Amino acid sequence: MTASNKKSAAHKPHSDKHFVSWFRDAAPYINAFRGRTFVVVFGGEAVQDKNFSGLIHDFALLNSLGIRLVLVHGSYPQIEARLKAQTKKSAFHQGLRITDDTALACVKEAVGTVRVEIEALLSMGLAHSPMAGAHIRVASGNVVTARPLGVHDGVDYLHTGEVRRIDAEAIHHQLDQNAVVLLSPLGYSPTGEVFNLSAEDVATSAAIALHAHKVIYLAEGPGLQDARKRLTRELTFSAAQQLLDSRRRLPDNIRRILSSAVNLCLNGIPRVHILNRQIDGALLQELFTRDGVGTLISADAYEGTRQANIDDVGGILELISPLEQADVLVRRSRERIEMEIDRFTIVERDGMVIACVALNPFSENKMAELTCLAVHPDYRGAARGNTLLQFVEQNAMQQGIQQLFVLSTKTSHWFLERGFKKADIKTLPMKRRALYNYRRNSKVFIKTLTG
């Protein structure tokens, strides 16, 4: 065995363990997404990229996992290239092309070429490739009815239009047959006219008509960044609207996407994702890992603190089990957690319990015990423990509780740093003192609550 082979073999167990862990983490998403409708939007820049075949393979993989996939493509660079070849140039107003007769001819030619190229790549089932044996059916057609945009601010947009109606029934029929539906930025009027549309308009209208579960924008550039050029990971749609209303300068494509995202959330689409199209595998990383690689804009809170219910028992058990094995927490049976579930508060992130705490009141003493405080290892260091503690303290005060106490063997410093003080066992309520486990020898800490 060569040195390089030995090195490869030495690393293989770690690599296998990482793969197994990743696959197990991805499994809930695979199950949750099966049968869901996703609308994916990408520009003509992606199509002419030499790495576009990798994105096509990812589309094929999503289709093979049972995701109902609607692709919406743009054609901006292809249209510009055709206009340049004719020494022509389009005028723009408010980010939209004013489509005259010459431009419309270029639009139809460019859109047709891009659509055929995408269809050809999706149909390619080469051996020894991710698409081997895929047999993907691609469906497209005149499912977008449009009307002229007309005159705005004194500007006649000519053959530029807006979506009037999406034939959702026809698209659903194709999706039911396991086909990938491909929509182009062209629309047709009942009188046979052709209109140049924006891909964002087509995607937004299609997603709303189809009641899509997600809309994913594969954007050019780094995506949505804050003032320090760091990726913005999450936004509620109301925060996205505030960002649009602010005076902050945003790239034109990001501003259009944010505007579409707000519209989508207001019309019942729960989640919109903005990804940097140039990150290899961005689509898969965003969909099948908990934190993704892009920006999530959600109609509801992506992560929230709430009272637990019976459906959370399994998640709580999974979270606290490693801490019980390490003797940080007292062991609790499933039956006990089910009986006491109304005492638990959890932090949920994308359907997963990532933190929990329980509050056991001793109302006659105006005291309560804080128990079972746990945060998932992947989400420590982001003050979630503090958030839970503050939440529970407020809840306790609303119940008339004046003091919190905790019994701890290994996390004393954490509670001391948050205002708890060491106390004697005799300060515990009589009922709790009777249950004290002297073999465990836990230390007692008490905190007086102030409004």
Protein backbone atom coordinates (compact mmCIF):
# COMPACT_ATOMS: atom_id res chain seq x y z
CA MET A 1 0.00 0.00 0.00
CA THR A 2 1.42 3.40 -0.98
CA ALA A 3 1.78 6.25 1.47
CA SER A 4 -1.09 8.10 -0.16
CA ASN A 5 -3.33 5.03 0.02
CA LYS A 6 -2.41 4.57 3.68
CA LYS A 7 -3.28 8.18 4.33
CA SER A 8 -6.59 7.76 2.50
CA ALA A 9 -7.38 4.58 4.44
CA ALA A 10 -6.49 6.28 7.71
CA HIS A 11 -9.01 9.02 7.03
CA LYS A 12 -11.74 6.76 5.72
CA PRO A 13 -13.43 5.91 9.09
CA HIS A 14 -13.74 9.62 9.89
CA SER A 15 -15.09 10.29 6.41
CA ASP A 16 -17.61 7.45 6.70
CA LYS A 17 -18.74 8.68 10.11
CA HIS A 18 -19.23 12.19 8.74
CA PHE A 19 -21.26 10.84 5.82
CA VAL A 20 -23.49 8.73 8.05
CA SER A 21 -24.07 11.67 10.39
CA TRP A 22 -24.87 13.99 7.47
CA PHE A 23 -27.24 11.48 5.88
CA ARG A 24 -29.11 10.92 9.13
CA ASP A 25 -29.44 14.69 9.63
CA ALA A 26 -30.73 15.07 6.07
CA ALA A 27 -33.29 12.25 6.38
CA PRO A 28 -36.03 14.34 8.08
CA TYR A 29 -35.84 16.91 5.28
CA ILE A 30 -36.00 14.25 2.58
CA ASN A 31 -39.15 12.90 4.19
CA ALA A 32 -40.68 16.34 4.77
CA PHE A 33 -40.08 17.56 1.20
CA ARG A 34 -41.48 14.54 -0.63
CA GLY A 35 -44.57 15.61 -2.54
CA ARG A 36 -43.95 19.32 -1.92
CA THR A 37 -43.87 21.88 -4.71
CA PHE A 38 -40.71 23.99 -4.99
CA VAL A 39 -40.28 26.86 -7.44
CA VAL A 40 -36.63 27.51 -8.34
CA VAL A 41 -35.63 30.71 -10.15
CA PHE A 42 -32.31 31.29 -11.92
CA GLY A 43 -31.02 33.74 -14.50
CA GLY A 44 -29.58 33.27 -17.95
CA GLU A 45 -26.13 33.78 -16.41
CA ALA A 46 -26.47 30.38 -14.74
CA VAL A 47 -27.31 28.70 -18.04
CA GLN A 48 -24.21 29.99 -19.81
CA ASP A 49 -21.95 29.09 -16.86
CA LYS A 50 -19.61 26.17 -17.57
CA ASN A 51 -20.73 24.56 -14.28
CA PHE A 52 -24.45 24.66 -15.12
CA SER A 53 -24.49 20.90 -15.60
CA GLY A 54 -23.84 20.51 -11.86
CA LEU A 55 -26.97 22.51 -11.09
CA ILE A 56 -28.90 20.38 -13.58
CA HIS A 57 -27.75 17.28 -11.71
CA ASP A 58 -29.03 18.80 -8.46
CA PHE A 59 -32.42 19.44 -10.10
CA ALA A 60 -32.49 15.79 -11.17
CA LEU A 61 -31.69 14.67 -7.63
CA LEU A 62 -34.53 16.75 -6.17
CA ASN A 63 -36.90 15.27 -8.72
CA SER A 64 -35.77 11.74 -7.85
CA LEU A 65 -36.51 12.46 -4.15
CA GLY A 66 -40.15 13.16 -4.97
CA ILE A 67 -40.01 16.96 -4.94
CA ARG A 68 -42.43 18.58 -7.39
CA LEU A 69 -40.10 20.92 -9.20
CA VAL A 70 -41.01 24.05 -11.17
CA LEU A 71 -38.03 25.81 -12.77
CA VAL A 72 -38.24 29.43 -13.92
CA HIS A 73 -35.34 30.73 -16.01
CA GLY A 74 -34.24 34.16 -17.14
CA SER A 75 -32.48 35.12 -20.36
CA TYR A 76 -31.01 38.58 -19.78
CA PRO A 77 -27.41 38.02 -21.05
CA GLN A 78 -28.64 36.00 -24.02
CA ILE A 79 -31.02 38.80 -25.02
CA GLU A 80 -28.30 41.41 -24.61
CA ALA A 81 -25.92 39.38 -26.79
CA ARG A 82 -28.47 39.23 -29.61
CA LEU A 83 -29.21 42.93 -29.40
CA LYS A 84 -25.50 43.72 -29.45
CA ALA A 85 -25.05 41.56 -32.55
CA GLN A 86 -27.61 43.83 -34.26
CA THR A 87 -25.96 46.96 -32.81
CA LYS A 88 -29.18 47.61 -30.91
CA LYS A 89 -29.70 48.53 -27.29
CA SER A 90 -32.81 48.35 -25.11
CA ALA A 91 -34.01 51.16 -22.90
CA PHE A 92 -34.86 50.34 -19.27
CA HIS A 93 -37.17 52.04 -16.81
CA GLN A 94 -37.33 51.08 -13.13
CA GLY A 95 -35.32 47.95 -13.87
CA LEU A 96 -37.63 46.66 -16.62
CA ARG A 97 -36.76 46.40 -20.29
CA ILE A 98 -38.86 48.47 -22.71
CA THR A 99 -39.44 45.80 -25.31
CA ASP A 100 -39.85 47.22 -28.82
CA ASP A 101 -40.31 45.08 -31.94
CA THR A 102 -36.58 44.46 -32.40
CA ALA A 103 -36.08 43.59 -28.76
CA LEU A 104 -39.09 41.24 -28.79
CA ALA A 105 -37.60 39.27 -31.69
CA CYS A 106 -34.35 38.94 -29.73
CA VAL A 107 -36.28 37.97 -26.59
CA LYS A 108 -38.17 35.18 -28.37
CA GLU A 109 -35.00 33.83 -29.97
CA ALA A 110 -33.00 33.96 -26.74
CA VAL A 111 -35.74 32.46 -24.56
CA GLY A 112 -36.34 29.67 -27.03
CA THR A 113 -32.66 28.81 -27.21
CA VAL A 114 -32.24 28.82 -23.42
CA ARG A 115 -35.33 26.69 -22.91
CA VAL A 116 -34.18 24.08 -25.42
CA GLU A 117 -30.72 23.98 -23.85
CA ILE A 118 -32.16 23.39 -20.38
CA GLU A 119 -34.51 20.70 -21.69
CA ALA A 120 -31.62 18.97 -23.44
CA LEU A 121 -29.47 18.94 -20.29
CA LEU A 122 -32.34 17.63 -18.16
CA SER A 123 -32.90 14.86 -20.69
CA MET A 124 -29.25 13.78 -20.64
CA GLY A 125 -28.88 10.45 -18.83
CA LEU A 126 -25.17 9.76 -19.24
CA ALA A 127 -23.70 6.67 -17.62
CA HIS A 128 -21.37 7.28 -14.66
CA SER A 129 -22.99 10.66 -13.98
CA PRO A 130 -25.44 11.82 -11.29
CA MET A 131 -28.20 11.65 -13.92
CA ALA A 132 -27.56 8.07 -15.01
CA GLY A 133 -30.95 6.40 -15.56
CA ALA A 134 -32.83 9.49 -14.41
CA HIS A 135 -35.35 9.55 -17.30
CA ILE A 136 -36.62 12.98 -16.39
CA ARG A 137 -39.63 14.31 -18.26
CA VAL A 138 -39.60 18.06 -18.89
CA ALA A 139 -42.87 19.89 -19.50
CA SER A 140 -43.31 23.44 -20.77
CA GLY A 141 -45.95 25.27 -22.76
CA ASN A 142 -48.35 28.18 -22.92
CA VAL A 143 -49.42 28.07 -19.28
CA VAL A 144 -48.70 31.76 -18.60
CA THR A 145 -51.34 34.25 -19.74
CA ALA A 146 -50.07 37.82 -19.83
CA ARG A 147 -51.17 41.35 -20.54
CA PRO A 148 -49.26 44.49 -21.51
CA LEU A 149 -47.67 46.44 -18.70
CA GLY A 150 -48.87 49.56 -20.45
CA VAL A 151 -47.79 53.10 -19.69
CA HIS A 152 -46.20 53.97 -16.33
CA ASP A 153 -44.79 57.37 -15.43
CA GLY A 154 -45.38 58.39 -19.03
CA VAL A 155 -43.28 55.48 -20.32
CA ASP A 156 -44.82 52.96 -22.71
CA TYR A 157 -43.35 49.52 -22.04
CA LEU A 158 -44.58 48.26 -25.44
CA HIS A 159 -44.19 44.43 -25.52
CA THR A 160 -43.15 44.16 -21.89
CA GLY A 161 -45.96 42.55 -19.92
CA GLU A 162 -47.06 41.15 -16.59
CA VAL A 163 -48.60 37.85 -15.62
CA ARG A 164 -52.38 37.79 -15.78
CA ARG A 165 -53.04 34.12 -15.00
CA ILE A 166 -51.19 30.85 -14.44
CA ASP A 167 -52.77 27.61 -15.66
CA ALA A 168 -52.23 25.86 -12.34
CA GLU A 169 -54.33 22.85 -13.34
CA ALA A 170 -52.11 22.11 -16.34
CA ILE A 171 -48.94 22.46 -14.27
CA HIS A 172 -50.29 20.24 -11.48
CA HIS A 173 -51.16 17.62 -14.08
CA GLN A 174 -47.55 17.54 -15.28
CA LEU A 175 -46.18 17.49 -11.74
CA ASP A 176 -48.50 14.59 -10.91
CA GLN A 177 -46.77 12.69 -13.73
CA ASN A 178 -43.40 13.30 -12.03
CA ALA A 179 -42.34 15.78 -14.72
CA VAL A 180 -40.16 18.82 -14.09
CA VAL A 181 -42.07 21.89 -15.26
CA LEU A 182 -39.97 24.56 -17.00
CA LEU A 183 -41.40 28.08 -17.25
CA SER A 184 -39.89 30.77 -19.45
CA PRO A 185 -40.20 34.56 -19.08
CA LEU A 186 -42.73 34.79 -21.89
CA GLY A 187 -46.49 35.19 -21.68
CA TYR A 188 -49.29 35.02 -24.21
CA SER A 189 -52.49 36.98 -24.52
CA PRO A 190 -55.84 35.46 -25.58
CA THR A 191 -55.43 37.37 -28.86
CA GLY A 192 -52.09 35.69 -29.63
CA GLU A 193 -49.70 38.46 -28.58
CA VAL A 194 -46.35 37.59 -26.98
CA PHE A 195 -45.05 39.57 -23.99
CA ASN A 196 -41.64 39.77 -22.41
CA LEU A 197 -41.96 39.08 -18.66
CA SER A 198 -39.63 39.19 -15.71
CA ALA A 199 -38.61 35.83 -14.26
CA GLU A 200 -39.50 37.13 -10.77
CA ASP A 201 -43.05 37.90 -11.90
CA VAL A 202 -43.48 34.46 -13.46
CA ALA A 203 -42.04 32.70 -10.41
CA THR A 204 -44.12 34.70 -7.91
CA SER A 205 -47.37 34.20 -9.84
CA ALA A 206 -46.70 30.48 -10.37
CA ALA A 207 -45.81 29.85 -6.73
CA ILE A 208 -48.97 31.57 -5.48
CA ALA A 209 -51.19 29.78 -8.00
CA LEU A 210 -49.62 26.39 -7.18
CA HIS A 211 -49.57 26.97 -3.38
CA ALA A 212 -45.87 26.15 -3.44
CA HIS A 213 -44.06 25.20 -0.25
CA LYS A 214 -40.86 27.08 -1.14
CA VAL A 215 -39.49 29.54 -3.67
CA ILE A 216 -35.72 29.45 -4.14
CA TYR A 217 -33.86 32.25 -5.92
CA LEU A 218 -30.42 31.34 -7.27
CA ALA A 219 -29.06 34.87 -7.31
CA GLU A 220 -26.01 36.31 -9.01
CA GLY A 221 -23.48 37.58 -6.50
CA PRO A 222 -23.11 36.93 -2.78
CA GLY A 223 -26.79 37.33 -1.93
CA LEU A 224 -28.21 39.45 0.87
CA GLN A 225 -25.47 40.92 3.07
CA ASP A 226 -25.50 43.28 6.03
CA ALA A 227 -23.59 46.57 6.23
CA ARG A 228 -20.42 44.66 7.17
CA LYS A 229 -20.65 42.39 4.12
CA ARG A 230 -21.72 39.39 6.19
CA LEU A 231 -24.42 37.07 4.89
CA THR A 232 -27.85 37.72 6.39
CA ARG A 233 -29.02 34.25 7.37
CA GLU A 234 -32.66 34.82 8.33
CA LEU A 235 -35.37 37.44 7.96
CA THR A 236 -39.07 37.53 8.66
CA PHE A 237 -41.04 38.97 5.78
CA SER A 238 -41.83 42.04 7.91
CA ALA A 239 -38.10 42.62 8.44
CA ALA A 240 -37.60 42.22 4.70
CA GLN A 241 -40.25 44.86 4.10
CA GLN A 242 -38.53 47.20 6.57
CA LEU A 243 -35.27 46.68 4.71
CA LEU A 244 -36.97 47.58 1.42
CA ASP A 245 -38.49 50.69 3.02
CA SER A 246 -35.18 51.83 4.45
CA ARG A 247 -32.72 54.03 2.61
CA ARG A 248 -30.12 51.31 2.49
CA ARG A 249 -28.66 50.69 -0.97
CA LEU A 250 -29.29 47.19 -2.25
CA PRO A 251 -28.21 45.53 -5.50
CA ASP A 252 -31.04 45.77 -8.03
CA ASN A 253 -31.47 42.01 -8.28
CA ILE A 254 -31.62 41.62 -4.48
CA ARG A 255 -34.17 44.43 -4.20
CA ARG A 256 -36.38 42.71 -6.80
CA ILE A 257 -36.04 39.37 -5.04
CA LEU A 258 -36.85 40.87 -1.63
CA SER A 259 -39.92 42.56 -3.08
CA SER A 260 -41.05 39.25 -4.56
CA ALA A 261 -40.35 37.47 -1.26
CA VAL A 262 -42.55 39.86 0.71
CA ASN A 263 -45.33 39.42 -1.84
CA LEU A 264 -44.97 35.64 -1.66
CA CYS A 265 -45.11 35.54 2.15
CA LEU A 266 -48.17 37.78 2.17
CA ASN A 267 -49.84 35.35 -0.23
CA GLY A 268 -49.31 32.20 1.79
CA ILE A 269 -45.87 30.95 0.68
CA PRO A 270 -44.18 29.98 3.95
CA ARG A 271 -40.52 30.23 2.92
CA VAL A 272 -38.37 31.99 0.36
CA HIS A 273 -34.65 31.29 0.00
CA ILE A 274 -31.95 33.46 -1.59
CA LEU A 275 -28.79 31.54 -2.56
CA ASN A 276 -25.52 32.47 -4.16
CA ARG A 277 -25.82 30.55 -7.40
CA GLN A 278 -22.04 30.25 -7.71
CA ILE A 279 -21.65 28.13 -4.56
CA ASP A 280 -21.33 24.55 -5.77
CA GLY A 281 -24.18 22.51 -4.31
CA ALA A 282 -25.82 25.54 -2.68
CA LEU A 283 -29.28 24.16 -3.45
CA LEU A 284 -28.60 20.86 -1.69
CA GLN A 285 -26.85 22.48 1.27
CA GLU A 286 -29.71 24.91 1.78
CA LEU A 287 -32.42 22.26 1.63
CA PHE A 288 -30.83 19.35 3.48
CA THR A 289 -28.82 20.97 6.26
CA ARG A 290 -30.34 22.72 9.25
CA ASP A 291 -28.65 26.08 8.77
CA GLY A 292 -28.15 26.14 5.01
CA VAL A 293 -25.86 28.49 3.10
CA GLY A 294 -28.22 31.28 2.05
CA THR A 295 -30.83 33.68 3.36
CA LEU A 296 -34.20 32.41 4.52
CA ILE A 297 -37.18 34.77 4.45
CA SER A 298 -40.09 33.25 6.31
CA ALA A 299 -43.73 34.10 6.72
CA ASP A 300 -43.49 32.83 10.30
CA ALA A 301 -40.66 32.63 12.81
CA TYR A 302 -37.98 30.15 11.71
CA GLU A 303 -36.85 29.75 15.29
CA GLY A 304 -39.04 30.39 18.28
CA THR A 305 -39.54 29.78 21.99
CA ARG A 306 -42.84 28.21 23.01
CA GLN A 307 -44.50 25.89 25.49
CA ALA A 308 -43.97 22.25 24.65
CA ASN A 309 -46.72 19.84 23.67
CA ILE A 310 -46.99 16.06 23.49
CA ASP A 311 -45.54 16.00 19.96
CA ASP A 312 -42.27 17.41 21.34
CA VAL A 313 -41.55 14.49 23.72
CA GLY A 314 -39.35 12.64 21.22
CA GLY A 315 -37.33 15.77 20.45
CA ILE A 316 -36.81 16.53 24.14
CA LEU A 317 -35.66 12.98 24.84
CA GLU A 318 -33.19 13.12 21.96
CA LEU A 319 -31.84 16.44 23.22
CA ILE A 320 -31.36 15.49 26.88
CA SER A 321 -30.21 11.88 26.43
CA PRO A 322 -26.47 12.72 25.98
CA LEU A 323 -26.57 14.95 29.07
CA GLU A 324 -28.22 12.18 31.10
CA GLN A 325 -25.52 9.75 29.98
CA ALA A 326 -22.87 12.28 31.07
CA ASP A 327 -24.65 12.56 34.46
CA VAL A 328 -25.29 16.27 33.91
CA LEU A 329 -29.05 15.73 34.08
CA VAL A 330 -31.14 13.31 36.10
CA ARG A 331 -32.55 10.53 33.94
CA ARG A 332 -36.20 10.93 32.94
CA SER A 333 -38.41 8.32 31.37
CA ARG A 334 -40.60 9.03 28.37
CA GLU A 335 -43.64 8.47 30.58
CA ARG A 336 -42.48 11.10 33.07
CA ILE A 337 -41.83 13.67 30.34
CA GLU A 338 -45.24 12.95 28.81
CA MET A 339 -46.89 13.50 32.21
CA GLU A 340 -44.96 16.74 32.80
CA ILE A 341 -44.91 18.07 29.23
CA ASP A 342 -46.92 21.17 30.15
CA ARG A 343 -44.03 22.23 32.39
CA PHE A 344 -41.54 22.31 29.51
CA THR A 345 -40.55 25.28 27.36
CA ILE A 346 -38.61 24.59 24.16
CA VAL A 347 -36.70 26.47 21.49
CA GLU A 348 -37.64 25.05 18.10
CA ARG A 349 -35.62 25.61 14.95
CA ASP A 350 -37.07 24.45 11.63
CA GLY A 351 -39.12 21.75 13.38
CA MET A 352 -36.26 20.52 15.60
CA VAL A 353 -36.08 20.95 19.39
CA ILE A 354 -32.69 22.61 19.98
CA ALA A 355 -33.15 23.70 23.59
CA CYS A 356 -35.50 22.98 26.50
CA VAL A 357 -36.15 23.73 30.14
CA ALA A 358 -38.81 22.69 32.67
CA LEU A 359 -40.33 24.68 35.52
CA ASN A 360 -41.76 22.76 38.49
CA PRO A 361 -43.78 25.14 40.71
CA PHE A 362 -44.16 24.90 44.48
CA SER A 363 -46.88 27.51 44.66
CA GLU A 364 -47.47 27.35 48.42
CA ASN A 365 -43.84 28.43 48.91
CA LYS A 366 -43.89 30.89 46.00
CA MET A 367 -40.91 28.97 44.63
CA ALA A 368 -40.23 26.91 41.49
CA GLU A 369 -37.52 24.50 40.46
CA LEU A 370 -35.69 25.04 37.17
CA THR A 371 -34.85 21.62 35.72
CA CYS A 372 -33.78 19.91 32.54
CA LEU A 373 -32.06 22.94 30.99
CA ALA A 374 -30.37 21.72 27.81
CA VAL A 375 -29.11 23.25 24.55
CA HIS A 376 -28.10 21.22 21.49
CA PRO A 377 -24.27 21.19 21.06
CA ASP A 378 -24.55 22.75 17.57
CA TYR A 379 -26.38 25.78 19.00
CA ARG A 380 -24.44 26.62 22.11
CA GLY A 381 -22.61 29.91 22.33
CA ALA A 382 -25.52 31.93 20.89
CA ALA A 383 -27.19 32.87 24.20
CA ARG A 384 -30.10 30.45 23.76
CA GLY A 385 -29.70 29.33 27.38
CA ASN A 386 -30.03 32.96 28.45
CA THR A 387 -33.12 33.34 26.27
CA LEU A 388 -34.75 30.31 27.86
CA LEU A 389 -33.88 31.43 31.36
CA GLN A 390 -35.34 34.91 30.77
CA PHE A 391 -38.47 33.38 29.24
CA VAL A 392 -38.95 31.07 32.22
CA GLU A 393 -38.30 33.85 34.75
CA GLN A 394 -41.00 36.00 33.17
CA ASN A 395 -43.39 33.05 33.11
CA ALA A 396 -42.64 32.26 36.75
CA MET A 397 -43.29 35.84 37.91
CA GLN A 398 -46.63 35.82 36.08
CA GLN A 399 -47.53 32.79 38.25
CA GLY A 400 -46.62 34.64 41.44
CA ILE A 401 -43.30 32.82 41.87
CA GLN A 402 -40.77 34.85 43.82
CA GLN A 403 -37.76 32.53 43.82
CA LEU A 404 -36.24 30.01 41.40
CA PHE A 405 -34.00 27.22 42.60
CA VAL A 406 -31.88 24.71 40.77
CA LEU A 407 -29.99 21.56 41.80
CA SER A 408 -26.75 21.11 39.88
CA THR A 409 -23.70 18.86 39.93
CA LYS A 410 -21.64 20.15 36.99
CA THR A 411 -22.96 23.52 35.81
CA SER A 412 -22.75 25.57 39.01
CA HIS A 413 -20.73 28.39 37.42
CA TRP A 414 -23.35 28.97 34.70
CA PHE A 415 -26.08 29.64 37.27
CA LEU A 416 -23.82 31.71 39.51
CA GLU A 417 -23.00 33.97 36.55
CA ARG A 418 -26.73 34.56 36.04
CA GLY A 419 -27.64 35.74 39.52
CA PHE A 420 -28.19 32.46 41.36
CA LYS A 421 -26.61 32.15 44.82
CA LYS A 422 -25.48 29.03 46.63
CA ALA A 423 -27.96 27.91 49.30
CA ASP A 424 -28.52 25.19 51.85
CA ILE A 425 -30.76 22.19 51.24
CA LYS A 426 -32.92 23.41 54.12
CA THR A 427 -34.04 26.37 52.00
CA LEU A 428 -35.85 24.02 49.60
CA PRO A 429 -39.61 23.49 49.90
CA MET A 430 -40.39 20.57 52.22
CA LYS A 431 -41.85 18.47 49.38
CA ARG A 432 -38.71 18.91 47.27
CA ARG A 433 -36.37 18.35 50.22
CA ALA A 434 -37.99 14.96 50.79
CA LEU A 435 -37.00 13.93 47.25
CA TYR A 436 -33.38 15.11 47.49
CA ASN A 437 -30.91 12.43 46.30
CA TYR A 438 -28.01 12.47 48.76
CA ARG A 439 -26.03 10.00 46.63
CA ARG A 440 -26.08 12.50 43.76
CA ASN A 441 -25.07 15.28 46.19
CA SER A 442 -26.31 18.13 43.99
CA LYS A 443 -25.58 21.71 44.99
CA VAL A 444 -28.49 24.08 45.55
CA PHE A 445 -28.70 27.53 43.99
CA ILE A 446 -31.50 30.08 44.45
CA LYS A 447 -32.36 33.28 42.60
CA THR A 448 -34.83 35.90 43.79
CA LEU A 449 -36.93 37.22 40.93
CA THR A 450 -37.48 40.93 40.51
CA GLY A 451 -39.93 42.51 38.05
